[in-house]
């Protein structure tokens, strides 16, 4: 009756020739799953600093709506890709260890549905990487990890428990990974302690500072890292958004100057996605409550699209 009224919640305008990237996400129906899975792990009570990262999975999904599915650079459209969205894992309201247990069990269960699938996990703070990798690795065998981060995240557990500063120490000490199969890229001055640098060296962790990223070049570092991990069954990429300079990622709880620029990190993700061995990625440490104009969530959404584009080019 009223031609200019629209249903509440619907877009004001939709061009028939433009498909939005969030439309690639299809909720799991309990039966069918594609060869690409996405799941949210909205835990941030384990953050050392105040964090609203529990809101990030939904913010990143929503940020996908700002983009189309068409890559002008590759002359490619992602419209034939389906990402099965398993939703968010329900966290315990007060118990961090129980929440992390739920993450590990759920990831193991959903990965078992499609063991050969590409997996994307949306955090949450960085503590989620320990349970996610623990659950994912059970379907994979020997794994390696490429970690983009300003921090080692090798803190001891005695002083603070299983926080977002401990995931990689926990993975090493639990025997999920060997320290020699962990590569840390983008470590920043005045963001770490000598004790944890020494811990990493003792366990054979490969470390690249942000200064080395720009001196050596990201392609050289990725090539060397993947060559070093050539004997593993699968590689997991963990993207802590605070590896970026605060100018590019204002919505991180631990922002700081002197970090990586967004183009360099996008290029790194593109390079990694070209390897068949790279089969999973997480994106962590975004607090939408302090993000400016959704800059950080939008960047995370772009990382997902870049990852999918390169996998499609490689006929994943």
C-alpha atoms as a PDB file:
ATOM      1  CA  UNK A   1       0.000   0.000   0.000  1.00  0.00           C
ATOM      2  CA  UNK A   2       2.851   2.373   0.853  1.00  0.00           C
ATOM      3  CA  UNK A   3       5.557   2.019  -1.836  1.00  0.00           C
ATOM      4  CA  UNK A   4       8.254   3.934   0.060  1.00  0.00           C
ATOM      5  CA  UNK A   5       8.013   2.000   3.302  1.00  0.00           C
ATOM      6  CA  UNK A   6      10.425  -0.847   3.991  1.00  0.00           C
ATOM      7  CA  UNK A   7      10.442  -3.606   6.545  1.00  0.00           C
ATOM      8  CA  UNK A   8      12.301  -2.656   9.730  1.00  0.00           C
ATOM      9  CA  UNK A   9      15.843  -3.979   9.736  1.00  0.00           C
ATOM     10  CA  UNK A  10      16.101  -4.189   5.947  1.00  0.00           C
ATOM     11  CA  UNK A  11      18.700  -2.249   3.981  1.00  0.00           C
ATOM     12  CA  UNK A  12      17.642   1.127   2.595  1.00  0.00           C
ATOM     13  CA  UNK A  13      18.987   0.212  -0.825  1.00  0.00           C
ATOM     14  CA  UNK A  14      20.153  -2.978  -2.509  1.00  0.00           C
ATOM     15  CA  UNK A  15      21.782  -3.013  -5.932  1.00  0.00           C
ATOM     16  CA  UNK A  16      20.860  -6.221  -7.760  1.00  0.00           C
ATOM     17  CA  UNK A  17      24.416  -6.513  -9.115  1.00  0.00           C
ATOM     18  CA  UNK A  18      26.194  -6.238  -5.781  1.00  0.00           C
ATOM     19  CA  UNK A  19      26.459  -9.118  -3.335  1.00  0.00           C
ATOM     20  CA  UNK A  20      27.612  -8.244   0.161  1.00  0.00           C
ATOM     21  CA  UNK A  21      30.392 -10.321   1.707  1.00  0.00           C
ATOM     22  CA  UNK A  22      28.369 -11.168   4.819  1.00  0.00           C
ATOM     23  CA  UNK A  23      26.030 -13.148   2.533  1.00  0.00           C
ATOM     24  CA  UNK A  24      28.808 -15.719   2.140  1.00  0.00           C
ATOM     25  CA  UNK A  25      28.090 -16.801   5.723  1.00  0.00           C
ATOM     26  CA  UNK A  26      25.402 -19.471   5.905  1.00  0.00           C
ATOM     27  CA  UNK A  27      24.238 -20.616   9.353  1.00  0.00           C
ATOM     28  CA  UNK A  28      24.823 -24.308  10.015  1.00  0.00           C
ATOM     29  CA  UNK A  29      21.575 -26.237   9.717  1.00  0.00           C
ATOM     30  CA  UNK A  30      22.721 -29.108  11.910  1.00  0.00           C
ATOM     31  CA  UNK A  31      23.277 -31.394   8.926  1.00  0.00           C
ATOM     32  CA  UNK A  32      25.190 -29.898   6.039  1.00  0.00           C
ATOM     33  CA  UNK A  33      28.557 -28.153   6.159  1.00  0.00           C
ATOM     34  CA  UNK A  34      30.758 -26.584   3.504  1.00  0.00           C
ATOM     35  CA  UNK A  35      34.513 -26.971   3.228  1.00  0.00           C
ATOM     36  CA  UNK A  36      34.998 -23.642   5.013  1.00  0.00           C
ATOM     37  CA  UNK A  37      33.867 -23.225   8.598  1.00  0.00           C
ATOM     38  CA  UNK A  38      33.662 -20.174  10.850  1.00  0.00           C
ATOM     39  CA  UNK A  39      33.027 -20.111  14.586  1.00  0.00           C
ATOM     40  CA  UNK A  40      33.030 -17.459  17.299  1.00  0.00           C
ATOM     41  CA  UNK A  41      34.801 -17.817  20.646  1.00  0.00           C
ATOM     42  CA  UNK A  42      33.569 -14.717  22.542  1.00  0.00           C
ATOM     43  CA  UNK A  43      35.758 -14.918  25.634  1.00  0.00           C
ATOM     44  CA  UNK A  44      37.432 -11.836  27.120  1.00  0.00           C
ATOM     45  CA  UNK A  45      37.167 -12.296  30.885  1.00  0.00           C
ATOM     46  CA  UNK A  46      40.655 -13.818  30.630  1.00  0.00           C
ATOM     47  CA  UNK A  47      42.170 -10.578  29.338  1.00  0.00           C
ATOM     48  CA  UNK A  48      44.933  -9.002  31.442  1.00  0.00           C
ATOM     49  CA  UNK A  49      43.690  -5.553  30.474  1.00  0.00           C
ATOM     50  CA  UNK A  50      40.064  -4.440  30.389  1.00  0.00           C
ATOM     51  CA  UNK A  51      38.514  -5.810  27.217  1.00  0.00           C
ATOM     52  CA  UNK A  52      35.192  -6.067  25.428  1.00  0.00           C
ATOM     53  CA  UNK A  53      36.614  -8.570  22.934  1.00  0.00           C
ATOM     54  CA  UNK A  54      33.678 -10.884  23.671  1.00  0.00           C
ATOM     55  CA  UNK A  55      31.675  -8.623  21.327  1.00  0.00           C
ATOM     56  CA  UNK A  56      34.122  -9.007  18.442  1.00  0.00           C
ATOM     57  CA  UNK A  57      32.745 -12.084  16.628  1.00  0.00           C
ATOM     58  CA  UNK A  58      29.449 -10.384  15.891  1.00  0.00           C
ATOM     59  CA  UNK A  59      31.183  -7.089  15.075  1.00  0.00           C
ATOM     60  CA  UNK A  60      33.423  -8.781  12.505  1.00  0.00           C
ATOM     61  CA  UNK A  61      30.496 -10.601  10.914  1.00  0.00           C
ATOM     62  CA  UNK A  62      28.646  -7.312  10.664  1.00  0.00           C
ATOM     63  CA  UNK A  63      31.722  -5.599   9.205  1.00  0.00           C
ATOM     64  CA  UNK A  64      31.676  -8.047   6.284  1.00  0.00           C
ATOM     65  CA  UNK A  65      28.517  -6.260   5.136  1.00  0.00           C
ATOM     66  CA  UNK A  66      30.623  -3.211   4.265  1.00  0.00           C
ATOM     67  CA  UNK A  67      32.319  -5.135   1.448  1.00  0.00           C
ATOM     68  CA  UNK A  68      31.284  -6.774  -1.791  1.00  0.00           C
ATOM     69  CA  UNK A  69      32.336 -10.267  -2.882  1.00  0.00           C
ATOM     70  CA  UNK A  70      34.181  -9.044  -5.977  1.00  0.00           C
ATOM     71  CA  UNK A  71      37.976  -8.749  -6.161  1.00  0.00           C
ATOM     72  CA  UNK A  72      38.911  -6.297  -8.895  1.00  0.00           C
ATOM     73  CA  UNK A  73      42.599  -7.189  -8.507  1.00  0.00           C
ATOM     74  CA  UNK A  74      42.038 -10.908  -9.139  1.00  0.00           C
ATOM     75  CA  UNK A  75      39.107 -10.414 -11.513  1.00  0.00           C
ATOM     76  CA  UNK A  76      37.274 -12.881  -9.308  1.00  0.00           C
ATOM     77  CA  UNK A  77      33.991 -13.087  -7.459  1.00  0.00           C
ATOM     78  CA  UNK A  78      33.628 -15.088  -4.252  1.00  0.00           C
ATOM     79  CA  UNK A  79      29.903 -15.681  -4.785  1.00  0.00           C
ATOM     80  CA  UNK A  80      30.355 -19.442  -5.234  1.00  0.00           C
ATOM     81  CA  UNK A  81      32.030 -19.754  -1.807  1.00  0.00           C
ATOM     82  CA  UNK A  82      29.906 -20.848   1.122  1.00  0.00           C
ATOM     83  CA  UNK A  83      31.202 -20.371   4.645  1.00  0.00           C
ATOM     84  CA  UNK A  84      29.353 -22.485   7.195  1.00  0.00           C
ATOM     85  CA  UNK A  85      28.821 -20.281  10.240  1.00  0.00           C
ATOM     86  CA  UNK A  86      28.544 -22.393  13.378  1.00  0.00           C
ATOM     87  CA  UNK A  87      27.655 -19.383  15.496  1.00  0.00           C
ATOM     88  CA  UNK A  88      29.282 -18.542  18.829  1.00  0.00           C
ATOM     89  CA  UNK A  89      30.301 -20.936  21.584  1.00  0.00           C
ATOM     90  CA  UNK A  90      28.408 -20.184  24.794  1.00  0.00           C
ATOM     91  CA  UNK A  91      30.781 -19.035  27.520  1.00  0.00           C
ATOM     92  CA  UNK A  92      30.378 -19.729  31.228  1.00  0.00           C
ATOM     93  CA  UNK A  93      29.429 -16.433  32.905  1.00  0.00           C
ATOM     94  CA  UNK A  94      32.220 -16.565  35.517  1.00  0.00           C
ATOM     95  CA  UNK A  95      34.496 -19.610  35.015  1.00  0.00           C
ATOM     96  CA  UNK A  96      37.368 -18.942  32.580  1.00  0.00           C
ATOM     97  CA  UNK A  97      38.715 -22.498  32.660  1.00  0.00           C
ATOM     98  CA  UNK A  98      35.247 -23.917  31.974  1.00  0.00           C
ATOM     99  CA  UNK A  99      34.824 -21.490  29.065  1.00  0.00           C
ATOM    100  CA  UNK A 100      38.142 -22.562  27.578  1.00  0.00           C
ATOM    101  CA  UNK A 101      37.140 -26.208  28.017  1.00  0.00           C
ATOM    102  CA  UNK A 102      33.925 -25.529  26.106  1.00  0.00           C
ATOM    103  CA  UNK A 103      35.922 -23.933  23.294  1.00  0.00           C
ATOM    104  CA  UNK A 104      38.290 -26.904  22.973  1.00  0.00           C
ATOM    105  CA  UNK A 105      35.490 -29.478  23.017  1.00  0.00           C
ATOM    106  CA  UNK A 106      33.294 -27.586  20.564  1.00  0.00           C
ATOM    107  CA  UNK A 107      36.094 -26.933  18.083  1.00  0.00           C
ATOM    108  CA  UNK A 108      37.108 -30.604  18.187  1.00  0.00           C
ATOM    109  CA  UNK A 109      33.496 -31.619  17.516  1.00  0.00           C
ATOM    110  CA  UNK A 110      32.837 -29.224  14.629  1.00  0.00           C
ATOM    111  CA  UNK A 111      36.197 -29.893  12.967  1.00  0.00           C
ATOM    112  CA  UNK A 112      35.393 -33.614  13.093  1.00  0.00           C
ATOM    113  CA  UNK A 113      32.383 -32.903  10.838  1.00  0.00           C
ATOM    114  CA  UNK A 114      34.674 -31.687   8.058  1.00  0.00           C
ATOM    115  CA  UNK A 115      38.293 -32.544   8.960  1.00  0.00           C
ATOM    116  CA  UNK A 116      39.642 -31.262   5.654  1.00  0.00           C
ATOM    117  CA  UNK A 117      37.910 -27.905   5.895  1.00  0.00           C
ATOM    118  CA  UNK A 118      39.471 -24.486   6.193  1.00  0.00           C
ATOM    119  CA  UNK A 119      38.690 -23.053   9.652  1.00  0.00           C
ATOM    120  CA  UNK A 120      38.344 -19.465  10.811  1.00  0.00           C
ATOM    121  CA  UNK A 121      37.831 -18.604  14.480  1.00  0.00           C
ATOM    122  CA  UNK A 122      36.785 -15.163  15.659  1.00  0.00           C
ATOM    123  CA  UNK A 123      37.904 -14.241  19.183  1.00  0.00           C
ATOM    124  CA  UNK A 124      37.702 -13.160  21.897  1.00  0.00           C
ATOM    125  CA  UNK A 125      41.018 -12.379  23.466  1.00  0.00           C
ATOM    126  CA  UNK A 126      44.163 -14.354  22.700  1.00  0.00           C
ATOM    127  CA  UNK A 127      43.537 -16.898  25.453  1.00  0.00           C
ATOM    128  CA  UNK A 128      41.111 -18.625  23.046  1.00  0.00           C
ATOM    129  CA  UNK A 129      43.988 -19.773  20.842  1.00  0.00           C
ATOM    130  CA  UNK A 130      45.054 -22.430  23.349  1.00  0.00           C
ATOM    131  CA  UNK A 131      41.712 -24.288  23.437  1.00  0.00           C
ATOM    132  CA  UNK A 132      41.004 -23.714  19.728  1.00  0.00           C
ATOM    133  CA  UNK A 133      44.369 -25.133  18.636  1.00  0.00           C
ATOM    134  CA  UNK A 134      44.070 -27.964  21.173  1.00  0.00           C
ATOM    135  CA  UNK A 135      40.726 -29.020  19.693  1.00  0.00           C
ATOM    136  CA  UNK A 136      41.713 -28.439  16.062  1.00  0.00           C
ATOM    137  CA  UNK A 137      45.059 -30.249  16.320  1.00  0.00           C
ATOM    138  CA  UNK A 138      43.413 -33.549  17.290  1.00  0.00           C
ATOM    139  CA  UNK A 139      42.198 -33.868  13.711  1.00  0.00           C
ATOM    140  CA  UNK A 140      45.480 -32.729  12.172  1.00  0.00           C
ATOM    141  CA  UNK A 141      48.537 -34.410  13.682  1.00  0.00           C
ATOM    142  CA  UNK A 142      51.759 -32.425  13.765  1.00  0.00           C
ATOM    143  CA  UNK A 143      51.136 -28.704  13.405  1.00  0.00           C
ATOM    144  CA  UNK A 144      53.016 -25.439  13.157  1.00  0.00           C
ATOM    145  CA  UNK A 145      51.846 -21.966  14.123  1.00  0.00           C
ATOM    146  CA  UNK A 146      52.503 -18.554  12.586  1.00  0.00           C
ATOM    147  CA  UNK A 147      51.687 -15.903  15.205  1.00  0.00           C
ATOM    148  CA  UNK A 148      51.332 -12.216  14.341  1.00  0.00           C
ATOM    149  CA  UNK A 149      51.623 -10.345  17.622  1.00  0.00           C
ATOM    150  CA  UNK A 150      53.282  -7.468  19.418  1.00  0.00           C
ATOM    151  CA  UNK A 151      53.683  -9.824  22.411  1.00  0.00           C
ATOM    152  CA  UNK A 152      55.186 -13.252  23.030  1.00  0.00           C
ATOM    153  CA  UNK A 153      52.152 -14.519  24.979  1.00  0.00           C
ATOM    154  CA  UNK A 154      54.518 -16.868  26.799  1.00  0.00           C
ATOM    155  CA  UNK A 155      53.716 -15.667  30.324  1.00  0.00           C
ATOM    156  CA  UNK A 156      53.761 -18.037  33.275  1.00  0.00           C
ATOM    157  CA  UNK A 157      50.453 -19.336  34.614  1.00  0.00           C
ATOM    158  CA  UNK A 158      51.304 -19.104  38.316  1.00  0.00           C
ATOM    159  CA  UNK A 159      51.010 -15.320  38.512  1.00  0.00           C
ATOM    160  CA  UNK A 160      47.751 -14.830  36.654  1.00  0.00           C
ATOM    161  CA  UNK A 161      46.238 -18.091  35.493  1.00  0.00           C
ATOM    162  CA  UNK A 162      45.226 -18.886  31.888  1.00  0.00           C
ATOM    163  CA  UNK A 163      45.086 -15.323  30.569  1.00  0.00           C
ATOM    164  CA  UNK A 164      45.478 -13.903  27.079  1.00  0.00           C
ATOM    165  CA  UNK A 165      49.200 -13.642  27.849  1.00  0.00           C
ATOM    166  CA  UNK A 166      49.711 -17.424  28.183  1.00  0.00           C
ATOM    167  CA  UNK A 167      48.298 -19.351  25.167  1.00  0.00           C
ATOM    168  CA  UNK A 168      51.540 -20.277  23.428  1.00  0.00           C
ATOM    169  CA  UNK A 169      53.317 -21.275  26.614  1.00  0.00           C
ATOM    170  CA  UNK A 170      50.357 -23.538  27.399  1.00  0.00           C
ATOM    171  CA  UNK A 171      50.478 -25.094  23.928  1.00  0.00           C
ATOM    172  CA  UNK A 172      54.194 -25.806  24.303  1.00  0.00           C
ATOM    173  CA  UNK A 173      53.957 -27.184  27.837  1.00  0.00           C
ATOM    174  CA  UNK A 174      50.924 -29.317  26.988  1.00  0.00           C
ATOM    175  CA  UNK A 175      52.853 -30.847  24.083  1.00  0.00           C
ATOM    176  CA  UNK A 176      50.303 -29.656  21.511  1.00  0.00           C
ATOM    177  CA  UNK A 177      53.105 -27.968  19.593  1.00  0.00           C
ATOM    178  CA  UNK A 178      56.872 -28.040  19.753  1.00  0.00           C
ATOM    179  CA  UNK A 179      58.439 -24.638  20.367  1.00  0.00           C
ATOM    180  CA  UNK A 180      60.554 -25.061  17.232  1.00  0.00           C
ATOM    181  CA  UNK A 181      57.332 -25.032  15.215  1.00  0.00           C
ATOM    182  CA  UNK A 182      56.148 -21.650  16.497  1.00  0.00           C
ATOM    183  CA  UNK A 183      57.015 -18.486  14.548  1.00  0.00           C
ATOM    184  CA  UNK A 184      56.278 -15.087  16.103  1.00  0.00           C
ATOM    185  CA  UNK A 185      56.159 -12.096  13.746  1.00  0.00           C
ATOM    186  CA  UNK A 186      55.913  -8.416  14.705  1.00  0.00           C
ATOM    187  CA  UNK A 187      57.212  -8.428  18.284  1.00  0.00           C
ATOM    188  CA  UNK A 188      57.478  -4.872  19.518  1.00  0.00           C
ATOM    189  CA  UNK A 189      59.819  -2.905  21.748  1.00  0.00           C
ATOM    190  CA  UNK A 190      58.687  -2.211  25.320  1.00  0.00           C
ATOM    191  CA  UNK A 191      55.847  -4.733  25.057  1.00  0.00           C
ATOM    192  CA  UNK A 192      57.594  -7.830  26.450  1.00  0.00           C
ATOM    193  CA  UNK A 193      59.980  -8.963  29.170  1.00  0.00           C
ATOM    194  CA  UNK A 194      63.437 -10.510  28.929  1.00  0.00           C
ATOM    195  CA  UNK A 195      62.287 -13.621  30.829  1.00  0.00           C
ATOM    196  CA  UNK A 196      59.762 -14.548  28.158  1.00  0.00           C
ATOM    197  CA  UNK A 197      62.125 -13.824  25.279  1.00  0.00           C
ATOM    198  CA  UNK A 198      64.586 -16.192  26.936  1.00  0.00           C
ATOM    199  CA  UNK A 199      61.842 -18.767  27.502  1.00  0.00           C
ATOM    200  CA  UNK A 200      61.005 -18.657  23.799  1.00  0.00           C
ATOM    201  CA  UNK A 201      64.648 -19.000  22.749  1.00  0.00           C
ATOM    202  CA  UNK A 202      65.114 -21.923  25.140  1.00  0.00           C
ATOM    203  CA  UNK A 203      62.206 -23.738  23.500  1.00  0.00           C
ATOM    204  CA  UNK A 204      63.331 -22.983  19.950  1.00  0.00           C
ATOM    205  CA  UNK A 205      60.681 -20.391  19.086  1.00  0.00           C
ATOM    206  CA  UNK A 206      61.516 -18.323  15.997  1.00  0.00           C
ATOM    207  CA  UNK A 207      61.043 -14.614  16.672  1.00  0.00           C
ATOM    208  CA  UNK A 208      60.899 -11.634  14.320  1.00  0.00           C
ATOM    209  CA  UNK A 209      60.668  -8.119  15.713  1.00  0.00           C
ATOM    210  CA  UNK A 210      58.762  -5.415  13.888  1.00  0.00           C
ATOM    211  CA  UNK A 211      62.094  -3.851  12.937  1.00  0.00           C
ATOM    212  CA  UNK A 212      63.099  -7.136  11.277  1.00  0.00           C
ATOM    213  CA  UNK A 213      59.769  -7.252   9.419  1.00  0.00           C
ATOM    214  CA  UNK A 214      60.646  -4.008   7.658  1.00  0.00           C
ATOM    215  CA  UNK A 215      64.347  -4.699   7.293  1.00  0.00           C
ATOM    216  CA  UNK A 216      64.010  -8.227   5.881  1.00  0.00           C
ATOM    217  CA  UNK A 217      60.628  -7.833   4.191  1.00  0.00           C
ATOM    218  CA  UNK A 218      57.477  -9.786   4.972  1.00  0.00           C
ATOM    219  CA  UNK A 219      57.751 -12.055   1.937  1.00  0.00           C
ATOM    220  CA  UNK A 220      61.217 -13.216   2.970  1.00  0.00           C
ATOM    221  CA  UNK A 221      59.984 -13.914   6.495  1.00  0.00           C
ATOM    222  CA  UNK A 222      56.908 -15.844   5.306  1.00  0.00           C
ATOM    223  CA  UNK A 223      58.964 -17.872   2.820  1.00  0.00           C
ATOM    224  CA  UNK A 224      61.542 -18.793   5.465  1.00  0.00           C
ATOM    225  CA  UNK A 225      58.876 -19.584   8.032  1.00  0.00           C
ATOM    226  CA  UNK A 226      56.909 -21.895   5.761  1.00  0.00           C
ATOM    227  CA  UNK A 227      60.086 -23.614   4.631  1.00  0.00           C
ATOM    228  CA  UNK A 228      60.926 -24.234   8.272  1.00  0.00           C
ATOM    229  CA  UNK A 229      57.433 -25.714   8.803  1.00  0.00           C
ATOM    230  CA  UNK A 230      57.543 -27.869   5.672  1.00  0.00           C
ATOM    231  CA  UNK A 231      57.489 -31.086   7.712  1.00  0.00           C
ATOM    232  CA  UNK A 232      54.203 -30.440   9.578  1.00  0.00           C
ATOM    233  CA  UNK A 233      50.768 -31.777   8.643  1.00  0.00           C
ATOM    234  CA  UNK A 234      49.042 -28.404   8.922  1.00  0.00           C
ATOM    235  CA  UNK A 235      49.761 -24.764   9.772  1.00  0.00           C
ATOM    236  CA  UNK A 236      47.592 -22.534  11.972  1.00  0.00           C
ATOM    237  CA  UNK A 237      47.771 -18.743  11.644  1.00  0.00           C
ATOM    238  CA  UNK A 238      46.974 -16.622  14.709  1.00  0.00           C
ATOM    239  CA  UNK A 239      46.386 -12.925  14.102  1.00  0.00           C
ATOM    240  CA  UNK A 240      46.498 -10.745  17.200  1.00  0.00           C
ATOM    241  CA  UNK A 241      45.340  -7.388  15.924  1.00  0.00           C
ATOM    242  CA  UNK A 242      47.634  -5.507  18.299  1.00  0.00           C
ATOM    243  CA  UNK A 243      50.534  -6.443  16.009  1.00  0.00           C
ATOM    244  CA  UNK A 244      49.283  -3.458  14.022  1.00  0.00           C
ATOM    245  CA  UNK A 245      50.217   0.116  14.777  1.00  0.00           C
ATOM    246  CA  UNK A 246      47.538   1.888  16.804  1.00  0.00           C
ATOM    247  CA  UNK A 247      46.836   4.091  13.765  1.00  0.00           C
ATOM    248  CA  UNK A 248      45.451   1.055  11.914  1.00  0.00           C
ATOM    249  CA  UNK A 249      43.836  -0.832  14.806  1.00  0.00           C
ATOM    250  CA  UNK A 250      42.458   1.621  17.377  1.00  0.00           C
ATOM    251  CA  UNK A 251      40.046  -1.002  18.706  1.00  0.00           C
ATOM    252  CA  UNK A 252      42.694  -3.180  20.375  1.00  0.00           C
ATOM    253  CA  UNK A 253      42.900  -3.305  24.182  1.00  0.00           C
ATOM    254  CA  UNK A 254      46.712  -3.125  23.960  1.00  0.00           C
ATOM    255  CA  UNK A 255      47.259  -0.465  21.310  1.00  0.00           C
ATOM    256  CA  UNK A 256      50.729   0.961  20.792  1.00  0.00           C
ATOM    257  CA  UNK A 257      52.892   2.886  18.337  1.00  0.00           C
ATOM    258  CA  UNK A 258      55.589   1.431  16.127  1.00  0.00           C
ATOM    259  CA  UNK A 259      53.571  -1.546  14.896  1.00  0.00           C
ATOM    260  CA  UNK A 260      52.879  -3.123  11.521  1.00  0.00           C
ATOM    261  CA  UNK A 261      50.894  -1.305   8.857  1.00  0.00           C
ATOM    262  CA  UNK A 262      47.710  -2.918   7.551  1.00  0.00           C
ATOM    263  CA  UNK A 263      48.980  -3.419   3.993  1.00  0.00           C
ATOM    264  CA  UNK A 264      51.946  -5.453   5.227  1.00  0.00           C
ATOM    265  CA  UNK A 265      49.723  -7.721   7.311  1.00  0.00           C
ATOM    266  CA  UNK A 266      47.272  -8.136   4.428  1.00  0.00           C
ATOM    267  CA  UNK A 267      50.160  -9.152   2.192  1.00  0.00           C
ATOM    268  CA  UNK A 268      51.399 -11.623   4.803  1.00  0.00           C
ATOM    269  CA  UNK A 269      47.971 -13.262   5.035  1.00  0.00           C
ATOM    270  CA  UNK A 270      47.788 -13.477   1.239  1.00  0.00           C
ATOM    271  CA  UNK A 271      51.185 -15.143   1.062  1.00  0.00           C
ATOM    272  CA  UNK A 272      50.296 -17.662   3.762  1.00  0.00           C
ATOM    273  CA  UNK A 273      46.922 -18.530   2.246  1.00  0.00           C
ATOM    274  CA  UNK A 274      48.672 -19.666  -0.935  1.00  0.00           C
ATOM    275  CA  UNK A 275      50.154 -22.621   0.951  1.00  0.00           C
ATOM    276  CA  UNK A 276      47.979 -25.731   1.097  1.00  0.00           C
ATOM    277  CA  UNK A 277      49.376 -26.486   4.545  1.00  0.00           C
ATOM    278  CA  UNK A 278      47.770 -23.325   5.978  1.00  0.00           C
ATOM    279  CA  UNK A 279      44.365 -24.640   7.020  1.00  0.00           C
ATOM    280  CA  UNK A 280      43.156 -22.451   9.894  1.00  0.00           C
ATOM    281  CA  UNK A 281      43.254 -18.893  11.137  1.00  0.00           C
ATOM    282  CA  UNK A 282      42.060 -17.011  14.172  1.00  0.00           C
ATOM    283  CA  UNK A 283      41.596 -13.273  14.623  1.00  0.00           C
ATOM    284  CA  UNK A 284      41.731 -12.001  18.191  1.00  0.00           C
ATOM    285  CA  UNK A 285      42.001  -8.926  20.437  1.00  0.00           C
ATOM    286  CA  UNK A 286      39.419  -6.541  19.012  1.00  0.00           C
ATOM    287  CA  UNK A 287      37.295  -4.569  21.464  1.00  0.00           C
ATOM    288  CA  UNK A 288      34.364  -3.117  19.486  1.00  0.00           C
ATOM    289  CA  UNK A 289      33.385  -0.908  22.438  1.00  0.00           C
ATOM    290  CA  UNK A 290      36.486   1.247  21.912  1.00  0.00           C
ATOM    291  CA  UNK A 291      36.865   0.889  18.147  1.00  0.00           C
ATOM    292  CA  UNK A 292      36.719   4.067  16.078  1.00  0.00           C
ATOM    293  CA  UNK A 293      34.247   3.861  13.182  1.00  0.00           C
ATOM    294  CA  UNK A 294      34.660   0.060  13.277  1.00  0.00           C
ATOM    295  CA  UNK A 295      38.126   0.460  11.759  1.00  0.00           C
ATOM    296  CA  UNK A 296      39.580  -2.613  13.462  1.00  0.00           C
ATOM    297  CA  UNK A 297      36.592  -4.877  12.817  1.00  0.00           C
ATOM    298  CA  UNK A 298      36.509  -3.779   9.181  1.00  0.00           C
ATOM    299  CA  UNK A 299      40.166  -4.672   8.831  1.00  0.00           C
ATOM    300  CA  UNK A 300      39.559  -8.100  10.373  1.00  0.00           C
ATOM    301  CA  UNK A 301      36.729  -8.678   7.890  1.00  0.00           C
ATOM    302  CA  UNK A 302      39.087  -7.767   5.052  1.00  0.00           C
ATOM    303  CA  UNK A 303      41.614 -10.324   6.331  1.00  0.00           C
ATOM    304  CA  UNK A 304      38.947 -13.006   6.039  1.00  0.00           C
ATOM    305  CA  UNK A 305      38.133 -11.989   2.466  1.00  0.00           C
ATOM    306  CA  UNK A 306      41.800 -11.869   1.538  1.00  0.00           C
ATOM    307  CA  UNK A 307      42.273 -15.346   3.000  1.00  0.00           C
ATOM    308  CA  UNK A 308      39.278 -16.714   1.072  1.00  0.00           C
ATOM    309  CA  UNK A 309      40.362 -15.042  -2.175  1.00  0.00           C
ATOM    310  CA  UNK A 310      43.791 -16.644  -2.110  1.00  0.00           C
ATOM    311  CA  UNK A 311      42.340 -20.042  -1.199  1.00  0.00           C
ATOM    312  CA  UNK A 312      39.866 -19.782  -4.095  1.00  0.00           C
ATOM    313  CA  UNK A 313      42.670 -18.873  -6.493  1.00  0.00           C
ATOM    314  CA  UNK A 314      44.450 -21.998  -5.320  1.00  0.00           C
ATOM    315  CA  UNK A 315      41.272 -24.075  -5.897  1.00  0.00           C
ATOM    316  CA  UNK A 316      40.923 -24.949  -2.234  1.00  0.00           C
END
